[in-house]
Amino acid sequence: MGHQLRPVDVGVGLGSHDLSVATYAAQLWRQAIFPLIVFTGANAPTTVARFPRGEAVHYQEHARSLGVPDDAILVEPAATNTAENLTLTRELLAQRGITPRSIMLISRPYQQRRAYATCRKIWPEVEVICGSLPLALDDYVASIGDVGRVANMLVGDTQRIELYAERGFAIPQPMPDDVREAYLRLVDRGYTARLVA
């Protein structure tokens, strides 16, 4: 989304198949962008084989291996979608007496806009910025190692931006014509595995 990096109260690493979320969260913690990280996520069909103990738990372990201490990490292991990531993270923080004024959502690059729109709906009182490990698209695809998987995920996330706003799960977001045209071309080419019915 092009948000400017700046200090916030809490970093929230949204669970997925992409370990770079935890890598970037650890990097930002070392840069003192936030003092506390919440990793949130259970499993999805696309992550259970890679992260059998749950996305948030594996993210925590990875961040630890990168030097983030246990007292700077909270784990929310039950969320199965972005709305739950946010709701359960807010509840976990509240249980510890923490009411952040600002957060940074750390996600896959193509999840930022949907995560932002969901957060503005679910947690409107918090100021939110979004970020992902800075990578060019070709480098990101290479890091995942599966062009088809990335294309399917891109298509699914793009559909959800509008669909979830229509269903009241997120605030509406503008979609440029060239993005809509690219989305429709990918659907026509069969990248439909992650579409919501």
C-alpha atoms as a PDB file:
ATOM      1  CA  MET A   1       0.000   0.000   0.000  1.00  0.00           C
ATOM      2  CA  GLY A   2       3.008   2.251   0.144  1.00  0.00           C
ATOM      3  CA  HIS A   3       2.549   3.232   3.778  1.00  0.00           C
ATOM      4  CA  GLN A   4       5.456   5.129   5.280  1.00  0.00           C
ATOM      5  CA  LEU A   5       7.393   3.095   7.834  1.00  0.00           C
ATOM      6  CA  ARG A   6       7.230   4.713  11.276  1.00  0.00           C
ATOM      7  CA  PRO A   7       7.123   3.640  14.929  1.00  0.00           C
ATOM      8  CA  VAL A   8       3.877   2.060  16.146  1.00  0.00           C
ATOM      9  CA  ASP A   9       2.762   0.437  19.398  1.00  0.00           C
ATOM     10  CA  VAL A  10       2.465  -3.156  18.159  1.00  0.00           C
ATOM     11  CA  GLY A  11       3.449  -5.168  15.096  1.00  0.00           C
ATOM     12  CA  VAL A  12       0.924  -7.802  14.027  1.00  0.00           C
ATOM     13  CA  GLY A  13       2.227 -10.624  11.835  1.00  0.00           C
ATOM     14  CA  LEU A  14      -0.689 -12.146   9.932  1.00  0.00           C
ATOM     15  CA  GLY A  15      -0.368 -15.891   9.504  1.00  0.00           C
ATOM     16  CA  SER A  16      -0.062 -17.438   6.058  1.00  0.00           C
ATOM     17  CA  HIS A  17       2.183 -19.794   4.076  1.00  0.00           C
ATOM     18  CA  ASP A  18       4.814 -17.051   3.809  1.00  0.00           C
ATOM     19  CA  LEU A  19       7.602 -17.115   6.420  1.00  0.00           C
ATOM     20  CA  SER A  20       8.861 -13.727   5.193  1.00  0.00           C
ATOM     21  CA  VAL A  21       6.132 -12.187   7.380  1.00  0.00           C
ATOM     22  CA  ALA A  22       8.042 -13.331  10.467  1.00  0.00           C
ATOM     23  CA  THR A  23      11.373 -12.373   8.891  1.00  0.00           C
ATOM     24  CA  TYR A  24      10.183  -8.818   8.265  1.00  0.00           C
ATOM     25  CA  ALA A  25       8.551  -8.540  11.698  1.00  0.00           C
ATOM     26  CA  ALA A  26      11.863  -9.509  13.308  1.00  0.00           C
ATOM     27  CA  GLN A  27      13.724  -7.009  11.140  1.00  0.00           C
ATOM     28  CA  LEU A  28      11.335  -4.202  12.091  1.00  0.00           C
ATOM     29  CA  TRP A  29      11.523  -5.115  15.770  1.00  0.00           C
ATOM     30  CA  ARG A  30      15.349  -4.852  15.596  1.00  0.00           C
ATOM     31  CA  GLN A  31      14.869  -1.400  14.017  1.00  0.00           C
ATOM     32  CA  ALA A  32      12.670  -0.403  17.007  1.00  0.00           C
ATOM     33  CA  ILE A  33       9.604   0.172  14.813  1.00  0.00           C
ATOM     34  CA  PHE A  34       7.580  -1.576  17.541  1.00  0.00           C
ATOM     35  CA  PRO A  35       8.425  -3.092  20.939  1.00  0.00           C
ATOM     36  CA  LEU A  36       5.991  -5.998  20.718  1.00  0.00           C
ATOM     37  CA  ILE A  37       5.000  -8.467  17.981  1.00  0.00           C
ATOM     38  CA  VAL A  38       1.802 -10.493  17.925  1.00  0.00           C
ATOM     39  CA  PHE A  39       1.911 -13.450  15.546  1.00  0.00           C
ATOM     40  CA  THR A  40      -1.596 -14.607  14.742  1.00  0.00           C
ATOM     41  CA  GLY A  41      -2.865 -17.627  12.851  1.00  0.00           C
ATOM     42  CA  ALA A  42      -3.887 -21.256  13.191  1.00  0.00           C
ATOM     43  CA  ASN A  43      -3.807 -23.245   9.964  1.00  0.00           C
ATOM     44  CA  ALA A  44      -5.478 -23.236   6.587  1.00  0.00           C
ATOM     45  CA  PRO A  45      -5.527 -25.996   3.985  1.00  0.00           C
ATOM     46  CA  THR A  46      -2.664 -24.152   2.258  1.00  0.00           C
ATOM     47  CA  THR A  47      -0.452 -24.050   5.386  1.00  0.00           C
ATOM     48  CA  VAL A  48      -1.042 -27.182   7.455  1.00  0.00           C
ATOM     49  CA  ALA A  49       1.659 -29.247   5.727  1.00  0.00           C
ATOM     50  CA  ARG A  50       4.242 -26.461   5.961  1.00  0.00           C
ATOM     51  CA  PHE A  51       3.379 -25.275   9.492  1.00  0.00           C
ATOM     52  CA  PRO A  52       1.891 -28.300  11.302  1.00  0.00           C
ATOM     53  CA  ARG A  53       1.987 -26.602  14.735  1.00  0.00           C
ATOM     54  CA  GLY A  54       0.173 -23.543  13.356  1.00  0.00           C
ATOM     55  CA  GLU A  55       1.253 -20.446  11.482  1.00  0.00           C
ATOM     56  CA  ALA A  56       1.723 -18.203  14.544  1.00  0.00           C
ATOM     57  CA  VAL A  57       3.796 -20.800  16.397  1.00  0.00           C
ATOM     58  CA  HIS A  58       6.137 -21.306  13.440  1.00  0.00           C
ATOM     59  CA  TYR A  59       6.410 -17.535  12.976  1.00  0.00           C
ATOM     60  CA  GLN A  60       7.334 -17.177  16.651  1.00  0.00           C
ATOM     61  CA  GLU A  61      10.024 -19.842  16.329  1.00  0.00           C
ATOM     62  CA  HIS A  62      11.432 -18.183  13.223  1.00  0.00           C
ATOM     63  CA  ALA A  63      11.495 -14.740  14.869  1.00  0.00           C
ATOM     64  CA  ARG A  64      13.269 -16.246  17.890  1.00  0.00           C
ATOM     65  CA  SER A  65      15.886 -17.735  15.569  1.00  0.00           C
ATOM     66  CA  LEU A  66      16.437 -14.198  14.248  1.00  0.00           C
ATOM     67  CA  GLY A  67      17.090 -12.833  17.741  1.00  0.00           C
ATOM     68  CA  VAL A  68      13.685 -11.593  18.913  1.00  0.00           C
ATOM     69  CA  PRO A  69      13.320 -12.447  22.630  1.00  0.00           C
ATOM     70  CA  ASP A  70      10.299 -14.286  24.027  1.00  0.00           C
ATOM     71  CA  ASP A  71       9.147 -11.241  25.999  1.00  0.00           C
ATOM     72  CA  ALA A  72       8.743  -9.273  22.755  1.00  0.00           C
ATOM     73  CA  ILE A  73       6.418 -11.873  21.153  1.00  0.00           C
ATOM     74  CA  LEU A  74       2.827 -12.857  21.823  1.00  0.00           C
ATOM     75  CA  VAL A  75       1.185 -15.756  19.978  1.00  0.00           C
ATOM     76  CA  GLU A  76      -2.460 -15.908  18.991  1.00  0.00           C
ATOM     77  CA  PRO A  77      -2.872 -19.480  17.631  1.00  0.00           C
ATOM     78  CA  ALA A  78      -6.600 -19.752  16.880  1.00  0.00           C
ATOM     79  CA  ALA A  79      -7.440 -17.309  14.061  1.00  0.00           C
ATOM     80  CA  THR A  80      -8.470 -18.818  10.735  1.00  0.00           C
ATOM     81  CA  ASN A  81      -9.154 -15.623   8.771  1.00  0.00           C
ATOM     82  CA  THR A  82      -8.120 -11.977   8.764  1.00  0.00           C
ATOM     83  CA  ALA A  83     -11.114 -10.769  10.791  1.00  0.00           C
ATOM     84  CA  GLU A  84     -10.288 -13.336  13.473  1.00  0.00           C
ATOM     85  CA  ASN A  85      -6.595 -12.376  13.313  1.00  0.00           C
ATOM     86  CA  LEU A  86      -7.585  -8.846  14.268  1.00  0.00           C
ATOM     87  CA  THR A  87     -10.357  -9.624  16.752  1.00  0.00           C
ATOM     88  CA  LEU A  88      -8.353 -12.250  18.628  1.00  0.00           C
ATOM     89  CA  THR A  89      -5.213 -10.104  18.616  1.00  0.00           C
ATOM     90  CA  ARG A  90      -7.138  -7.196  20.119  1.00  0.00           C
ATOM     91  CA  GLU A  91      -8.556  -9.546  22.794  1.00  0.00           C
ATOM     92  CA  LEU A  92      -5.114 -11.024  23.559  1.00  0.00           C
ATOM     93  CA  LEU A  93      -3.640  -7.552  23.990  1.00  0.00           C
ATOM     94  CA  ALA A  94      -6.571  -6.433  26.158  1.00  0.00           C
ATOM     95  CA  GLN A  95      -6.058  -9.453  28.433  1.00  0.00           C
ATOM     96  CA  ARG A  96      -2.559  -8.120  29.052  1.00  0.00           C
ATOM     97  CA  GLY A  97      -3.759  -4.576  29.646  1.00  0.00           C
ATOM     98  CA  ILE A  98      -2.492  -3.309  26.294  1.00  0.00           C
ATOM     99  CA  THR A  99      -4.647  -0.959  24.225  1.00  0.00           C
ATOM    100  CA  PRO A 100      -2.557   0.095  21.238  1.00  0.00           C
ATOM    101  CA  ARG A 101      -3.236   3.379  19.516  1.00  0.00           C
ATOM    102  CA  SER A 102      -1.294   2.296  16.430  1.00  0.00           C
ATOM    103  CA  ILE A 103      -0.362  -1.017  14.834  1.00  0.00           C
ATOM    104  CA  MET A 104       1.478  -2.263  11.794  1.00  0.00           C
ATOM    105  CA  LEU A 105      -0.026  -5.209   9.937  1.00  0.00           C
ATOM    106  CA  ILE A 106       2.727  -7.339   8.423  1.00  0.00           C
ATOM    107  CA  SER A 107       1.540  -9.658   5.696  1.00  0.00           C
ATOM    108  CA  ARG A 108       2.190 -11.066   2.269  1.00  0.00           C
ATOM    109  CA  PRO A 109       2.597  -8.179  -0.203  1.00  0.00           C
ATOM    110  CA  TYR A 110      -0.681  -8.825  -1.979  1.00  0.00           C
ATOM    111  CA  GLN A 111      -2.625  -9.131   1.295  1.00  0.00           C
ATOM    112  CA  GLN A 112      -1.940  -5.590   2.491  1.00  0.00           C
ATOM    113  CA  ARG A 113      -4.970  -3.836   1.031  1.00  0.00           C
ATOM    114  CA  ARG A 114      -7.424  -6.504   2.159  1.00  0.00           C
ATOM    115  CA  ALA A 115      -5.858  -6.588   5.630  1.00  0.00           C
ATOM    116  CA  TYR A 116      -6.059  -2.796   5.851  1.00  0.00           C
ATOM    117  CA  ALA A 117      -9.711  -2.725   4.741  1.00  0.00           C
ATOM    118  CA  THR A 118     -10.604  -5.469   7.219  1.00  0.00           C
ATOM    119  CA  CYS A 119      -8.799  -3.717  10.073  1.00  0.00           C
ATOM    120  CA  ARG A 120     -10.573  -0.416   9.389  1.00  0.00           C
ATOM    121  CA  LYS A 121     -13.887  -2.304   9.696  1.00  0.00           C
ATOM    122  CA  ILE A 122     -13.045  -4.594  12.639  1.00  0.00           C
ATOM    123  CA  TRP A 123     -10.755  -2.312  14.676  1.00  0.00           C
ATOM    124  CA  PRO A 124     -11.609   1.240  13.551  1.00  0.00           C
ATOM    125  CA  GLU A 125     -10.235   2.983  16.634  1.00  0.00           C
ATOM    126  CA  VAL A 126      -6.644   1.898  15.970  1.00  0.00           C
ATOM    127  CA  GLU A 127      -4.370   3.716  13.538  1.00  0.00           C
ATOM    128  CA  VAL A 128      -3.070   1.113  11.075  1.00  0.00           C
ATOM    129  CA  ILE A 129      -0.247   0.946   8.592  1.00  0.00           C
ATOM    130  CA  CYS A 130       0.680  -2.068   6.498  1.00  0.00           C
ATOM    131  CA  GLY A 131       3.940  -3.540   5.319  1.00  0.00           C
ATOM    132  CA  SER A 132       5.617  -6.552   3.758  1.00  0.00           C
ATOM    133  CA  LEU A 133       9.168  -7.604   3.156  1.00  0.00           C
ATOM    134  CA  PRO A 134      10.178  -5.328   0.257  1.00  0.00           C
ATOM    135  CA  LEU A 135      10.591  -7.573  -2.796  1.00  0.00           C
ATOM    136  CA  ALA A 136       9.973  -7.138  -6.506  1.00  0.00           C
ATOM    137  CA  LEU A 137       7.242  -9.443  -7.844  1.00  0.00           C
ATOM    138  CA  ASP A 138       9.728 -11.744  -9.608  1.00  0.00           C
ATOM    139  CA  ASP A 139      11.785 -12.018  -6.423  1.00  0.00           C
ATOM    140  CA  TYR A 140       8.687 -12.699  -4.357  1.00  0.00           C
ATOM    141  CA  VAL A 141       7.552 -15.464  -6.723  1.00  0.00           C
ATOM    142  CA  ALA A 142      11.061 -16.957  -6.630  1.00  0.00           C
ATOM    143  CA  SER A 143      11.021 -16.885  -2.813  1.00  0.00           C
ATOM    144  CA  ILE A 144       7.765 -18.877  -2.771  1.00  0.00           C
ATOM    145  CA  GLY A 145       8.933 -21.164  -5.571  1.00  0.00           C
ATOM    146  CA  ASP A 146       5.554 -21.694  -7.207  1.00  0.00           C
ATOM    147  CA  VAL A 147       4.234 -19.267  -9.838  1.00  0.00           C
ATOM    148  CA  GLY A 148       0.812 -20.904  -9.963  1.00  0.00           C
ATOM    149  CA  ARG A 149       0.361 -20.733  -6.208  1.00  0.00           C
ATOM    150  CA  VAL A 150       1.224 -17.031  -6.124  1.00  0.00           C
ATOM    151  CA  ALA A 151      -1.045 -16.255  -9.088  1.00  0.00           C
ATOM    152  CA  ASN A 152      -3.946 -18.114  -7.461  1.00  0.00           C
ATOM    153  CA  MET A 153      -3.384 -16.307  -4.166  1.00  0.00           C
ATOM    154  CA  LEU A 154      -3.198 -12.917  -5.939  1.00  0.00           C
ATOM    155  CA  VAL A 155      -6.486 -13.611  -7.720  1.00  0.00           C
ATOM    156  CA  GLY A 156      -8.163 -14.784  -4.513  1.00  0.00           C
ATOM    157  CA  ASP A 157      -7.047 -11.766  -2.521  1.00  0.00           C
ATOM    158  CA  THR A 158      -8.085  -9.360  -5.276  1.00  0.00           C
ATOM    159  CA  GLN A 159     -11.564 -10.871  -5.395  1.00  0.00           C
ATOM    160  CA  ARG A 160     -11.884 -10.665  -1.608  1.00  0.00           C
ATOM    161  CA  ILE A 161     -11.138  -6.918  -1.529  1.00  0.00           C
ATOM    162  CA  GLU A 162     -14.476  -6.153  -3.188  1.00  0.00           C
ATOM    163  CA  LEU A 163     -16.431  -9.217  -2.097  1.00  0.00           C
ATOM    164  CA  TYR A 164     -15.682  -8.777   1.609  1.00  0.00           C
ATOM    165  CA  ALA A 165     -16.613  -5.095   1.452  1.00  0.00           C
ATOM    166  CA  GLU A 166     -19.934  -6.063  -0.189  1.00  0.00           C
ATOM    167  CA  ARG A 167     -20.545  -8.605   2.600  1.00  0.00           C
ATOM    168  CA  GLY A 168     -19.746  -6.045   5.323  1.00  0.00           C
ATOM    169  CA  PHE A 169     -16.469  -7.653   6.445  1.00  0.00           C
ATOM    170  CA  ALA A 170     -14.255  -4.756   5.293  1.00  0.00           C
ATOM    171  CA  ILE A 171     -14.445  -1.148   4.198  1.00  0.00           C
ATOM    172  CA  PRO A 172     -14.636  -0.526   0.416  1.00  0.00           C
ATOM    173  CA  GLN A 173     -11.386   0.070  -1.449  1.00  0.00           C
ATOM    174  CA  PRO A 174     -10.884   1.563  -4.912  1.00  0.00           C
ATOM    175  CA  MET A 175      -9.773  -0.826  -7.634  1.00  0.00           C
ATOM    176  CA  PRO A 176      -7.973   0.729 -10.602  1.00  0.00           C
ATOM    177  CA  ASP A 177      -9.139  -0.394 -14.052  1.00  0.00           C
ATOM    178  CA  ASP A 178      -5.783  -1.981 -14.915  1.00  0.00           C
ATOM    179  CA  VAL A 179      -5.896  -4.083 -11.730  1.00  0.00           C
ATOM    180  CA  ARG A 180      -9.443  -5.249 -12.503  1.00  0.00           C
ATOM    181  CA  GLU A 181      -8.452  -6.104 -16.086  1.00  0.00           C
ATOM    182  CA  ALA A 182      -5.402  -8.082 -14.901  1.00  0.00           C
ATOM    183  CA  TYR A 183      -7.564  -9.927 -12.367  1.00  0.00           C
ATOM    184  CA  LEU A 184     -10.116 -10.867 -15.039  1.00  0.00           C
ATOM    185  CA  ARG A 185      -7.358 -12.045 -17.418  1.00  0.00           C
ATOM    186  CA  LEU A 186      -5.917 -14.314 -14.717  1.00  0.00           C
ATOM    187  CA  VAL A 187      -9.376 -15.723 -13.951  1.00  0.00           C
ATOM    188  CA  ASP A 188      -9.913 -16.380 -17.677  1.00  0.00           C
ATOM    189  CA  ARG A 189      -6.572 -18.235 -17.741  1.00  0.00           C
ATOM    190  CA  GLY A 190      -7.751 -20.581 -15.000  1.00  0.00           C
ATOM    191  CA  TYR A 191      -6.221 -19.115 -11.837  1.00  0.00           C
ATOM    192  CA  THR A 192      -9.365 -19.757  -9.827  1.00  0.00           C
ATOM    193  CA  ALA A 193      -8.242 -22.123  -7.048  1.00  0.00           C
ATOM    194  CA  ARG A 194      -8.511 -19.428  -4.340  1.00  0.00           C
ATOM    195  CA  LEU A 195     -11.729 -17.749  -5.494  1.00  0.00           C
ATOM    196  CA  VAL A 196     -14.605 -17.573  -3.017  1.00  0.00           C
ATOM    197  CA  ALA A 197     -17.847 -18.966  -4.396  1.00  0.00           C
END
